Amino acid sequence: MWKILFIICSLSSEIKADVFNDVKNSRNFTGKVVLVTGSTSGMGESVAKLFSSLGAKVVVTGRNKIQLEKAGNEVSELSPHGLKVNSFQLN
């Protein structure tokens, strides 16, 4: 679990390959649903991308519709199972 916390704290909007591979090999979130609030930028976007790439079905939220669509598409592309992201524009 400490590896995931380290990655969340150290990421900007890009996932560093070497750190990502360490976590990917130690965690599997296939079949889990993760809701990430504020996931259109910054740490929230990084967390959404991380969980998607680890196999989770991700729900992204944000206020800006354009950024929400962009983040949703990027998160979907990282899914190893081809899962589509559910996105909700919330205030």
Protein backbone atom coordinates (compact mmCIF):
# COMPACT_ATOMS: atom_id res chain seq x y z
CA MET A 1 0.00 0.00 0.00
CA TRP A 2 2.89 2.39 0.68
CA LYS A 3 3.93 2.16 -2.96
CA ILE A 4 0.55 3.46 -4.11
CA LEU A 5 0.71 6.32 -1.61
CA PHE A 6 4.22 7.17 -2.79
CA ILE A 7 3.10 7.28 -6.41
CA ILE A 8 0.06 9.40 -5.64
CA CYS A 9 2.21 11.89 -3.76
CA SER A 10 4.98 12.00 -6.33
CA LEU A 11 3.00 12.20 -9.57
CA SER A 12 2.07 15.27 -11.49
CA SER A 13 -0.18 14.57 -14.48
CA GLU A 14 2.32 12.10 -15.96
CA ILE A 15 2.97 8.63 -14.62
CA LYS A 16 6.68 7.88 -14.33
CA ALA A 17 7.36 4.54 -16.04
CA ASP A 18 9.74 2.97 -13.51
CA VAL A 19 7.57 3.78 -10.49
CA PHE A 20 4.41 2.79 -12.35
CA ASN A 21 5.83 -0.62 -13.24
CA ASP A 22 6.68 -1.32 -9.60
CA VAL A 23 3.11 -0.62 -8.52
CA LYS A 24 1.55 -2.37 -11.51
CA ASN A 25 3.35 -5.56 -10.62
CA SER A 26 2.27 -5.37 -6.98
CA ARG A 27 -1.42 -4.41 -7.28
CA ASN A 28 -4.39 -5.54 -9.34
CA PHE A 29 -7.64 -3.59 -9.27
CA THR A 30 -9.46 -5.63 -11.93
CA GLY A 31 -13.16 -5.79 -11.09
CA LYS A 32 -13.01 -2.79 -8.75
CA VAL A 33 -14.69 0.57 -9.29
CA VAL A 34 -12.83 3.74 -8.32
CA LEU A 35 -14.46 7.18 -8.08
CA VAL A 36 -11.94 10.02 -8.39
CA THR A 37 -13.18 13.51 -7.63
CA GLY A 38 -11.43 16.46 -9.27
CA SER A 39 -9.92 14.16 -11.85
CA THR A 40 -9.53 16.62 -14.73
CA SER A 41 -6.10 17.85 -13.67
CA GLY A 42 -3.26 17.52 -11.21
CA MET A 43 -3.19 14.82 -8.60
CA GLY A 44 -6.78 13.71 -9.28
CA GLU A 45 -5.97 13.10 -12.95
CA SER A 46 -2.85 11.14 -12.03
CA VAL A 47 -4.77 8.98 -9.57
CA ALA A 48 -7.48 8.25 -12.16
CA LYS A 49 -4.85 7.26 -14.73
CA LEU A 50 -3.04 5.07 -12.21
CA PHE A 51 -6.13 3.12 -11.16
CA SER A 52 -7.27 2.72 -14.75
CA SER A 53 -3.91 1.30 -15.77
CA LEU A 54 -4.10 -1.09 -12.80
CA GLY A 55 -7.36 -2.52 -14.17
CA ALA A 56 -10.01 -0.62 -12.23
CA LYS A 57 -13.17 0.77 -13.79
CA VAL A 58 -12.76 4.51 -13.16
CA VAL A 59 -15.38 7.20 -12.69
CA VAL A 60 -13.99 10.70 -13.28
CA THR A 61 -15.57 13.97 -12.18
CA GLY A 62 -14.83 17.61 -12.82
CA ARG A 63 -16.38 21.00 -13.44
CA ASN A 64 -14.93 21.81 -16.87
CA LYS A 65 -16.65 19.78 -19.61
CA ILE A 66 -13.76 20.03 -22.11
CA GLN A 67 -11.13 18.98 -19.55
CA LEU A 68 -13.45 16.21 -18.34
CA GLU A 69 -13.76 14.74 -21.84
CA LYS A 70 -9.99 14.97 -22.38
CA ALA A 71 -9.20 13.32 -19.04
CA GLY A 72 -11.82 10.62 -19.64
CA ASN A 73 -10.33 9.74 -23.01
CA GLU A 74 -6.79 9.59 -21.63
CA VAL A 75 -7.87 7.45 -18.68
CA SER A 76 -9.77 5.07 -20.99
CA GLU A 77 -6.71 4.62 -23.22
CA LEU A 78 -4.70 3.37 -20.22
CA SER A 79 -7.13 0.57 -19.33
CA PRO A 80 -5.56 -2.82 -20.01
CA HIS A 81 -9.07 -4.28 -20.38
CA GLY A 82 -10.40 -1.61 -22.74
CA LEU A 83 -12.83 -0.32 -20.11
CA LYS A 84 -14.64 2.90 -20.87
CA VAL A 85 -14.56 5.62 -18.26
CA ASN A 86 -17.76 7.02 -16.80
CA SER A 87 -17.53 10.78 -16.43
CA PHE A 88 -19.77 13.24 -14.63
CA GLN A 89 -19.66 17.01 -14.77
CA LEU A 90 -20.23 18.15 -11.20
CA ASN A 91 -19.94 21.40 -9.34
